[in-house]
Amino acid sequence: MPPTDAEILRDRIKTNRETIESAQTKYRSAQNTIRQALRSEPFDAEAMRAAMAVTRTARQTYDQAIQGVYADA
C-alpha cells in the first residue's frame, strides 16, 4: 500500500477506534460465552445455540465496523 493511502487508512482507524474496539470487545465476550457453554455440566445444547447466535451477530457487527473503515478510506 502506498504511504499516502496507508496514512488515510490509519486516520480512519483512529477516527473509528471506539466503534472498532467496542465491537471487538463484544465479539470476544460472546466467544467467552461459547467457551462457558462448552464447559457447563451438564451440557446445555440450547445455551450453546444461543451463545453461538449471539457470537455470530457480534462477529458480523465487528466485521462491518472494520470493513466500513476500509471501504471509507
Protein backbone atom coordinates (compact mmCIF):
# COMPACT_ATOMS: atom_id res chain seq x y z
CA MET A 1 0.00 0.00 0.00
CA PRO A 2 1.40 3.40 -0.87
CA PRO A 3 2.35 5.52 2.14
CA THR A 4 -0.30 8.16 1.42
CA ASP A 5 -3.04 5.50 1.31
CA ALA A 6 -1.71 3.92 4.49
CA GLU A 7 -1.92 7.28 6.24
CA ILE A 8 -5.53 7.72 5.13
CA LEU A 9 -6.37 4.27 6.47
CA ARG A 10 -4.60 4.92 9.78
CA ASP A 11 -6.55 8.17 10.16
CA ARG A 12 -9.85 6.37 9.54
CA ILE A 13 -8.95 3.73 12.09
CA LYS A 14 -8.08 6.41 14.66
CA THR A 15 -11.35 8.20 13.98
CA ASN A 16 -13.35 4.98 14.42
CA ARG A 17 -11.25 3.40 17.17
CA GLU A 18 -14.01 3.46 19.80
CA THR A 19 -16.51 1.78 17.47
CA ILE A 20 -13.99 -0.85 16.41
CA GLU A 21 -12.84 -1.57 19.96
CA SER A 22 -16.39 -1.79 21.27
CA ALA A 23 -17.40 -4.24 18.54
CA GLN A 24 -14.26 -6.30 19.13
CA THR A 25 -14.86 -6.40 22.88
CA LYS A 26 -18.44 -7.57 22.39
CA TYR A 27 -17.28 -10.24 19.94
CA ARG A 28 -14.64 -11.55 22.33
CA SER A 29 -17.14 -11.56 25.18
CA ALA A 30 -19.54 -13.56 23.04
CA GLN A 31 -16.76 -16.04 22.26
CA ASN A 32 -16.20 -16.45 26.01
CA THR A 33 -19.88 -17.24 26.43
CA ILE A 34 -19.46 -20.12 23.96
CA ARG A 35 -16.48 -21.37 25.95
CA GLN A 36 -18.52 -21.24 29.14
CA ALA A 37 -21.38 -23.12 27.49
CA LEU A 38 -18.97 -25.81 26.33
CA ARG A 39 -17.67 -26.26 29.88
CA SER A 40 -21.05 -26.38 31.57
CA GLU A 41 -22.10 -29.56 33.33
CA PRO A 42 -24.46 -30.85 32.29
CA PHE A 43 -24.05 -29.58 28.76
CA ASP A 44 -26.96 -27.38 27.68
CA ALA A 45 -27.42 -27.50 23.91
CA GLU A 46 -29.90 -24.60 23.92
CA ALA A 47 -27.47 -22.39 25.83
CA MET A 48 -24.80 -23.31 23.31
CA ARG A 49 -27.06 -22.47 20.38
CA ALA A 50 -27.97 -19.15 21.97
CA ALA A 51 -24.31 -18.33 22.64
CA MET A 52 -23.43 -19.19 19.05
CA ALA A 53 -26.21 -16.95 17.71
CA VAL A 54 -25.00 -14.02 19.83
CA THR A 55 -21.44 -14.65 18.67
CA ARG A 56 -22.49 -14.68 15.00
CA THR A 57 -24.21 -11.34 15.43
CA ALA A 58 -21.26 -9.87 17.32
CA ARG A 59 -18.87 -11.10 14.62
CA GLN A 60 -20.98 -9.52 11.92
CA THR A 61 -21.05 -6.22 13.76
CA TYR A 62 -17.27 -6.33 14.20
CA ASP A 63 -16.74 -7.19 10.53
CA GLN A 64 -18.99 -4.34 9.46
CA ALA A 65 -17.08 -1.89 11.65
CA ILE A 66 -13.72 -2.92 10.21
CA GLN A 67 -14.90 -3.24 6.63
CA GLY A 68 -16.65 0.10 6.82
CA VAL A 69 -13.39 1.77 7.79
CA TYR A 70 -11.59 0.16 4.85
CA ALA A 71 -14.37 0.99 2.42
CA ASP A 72 -14.48 4.62 3.53
CA ALA A 73 -10.71 5.01 3.25
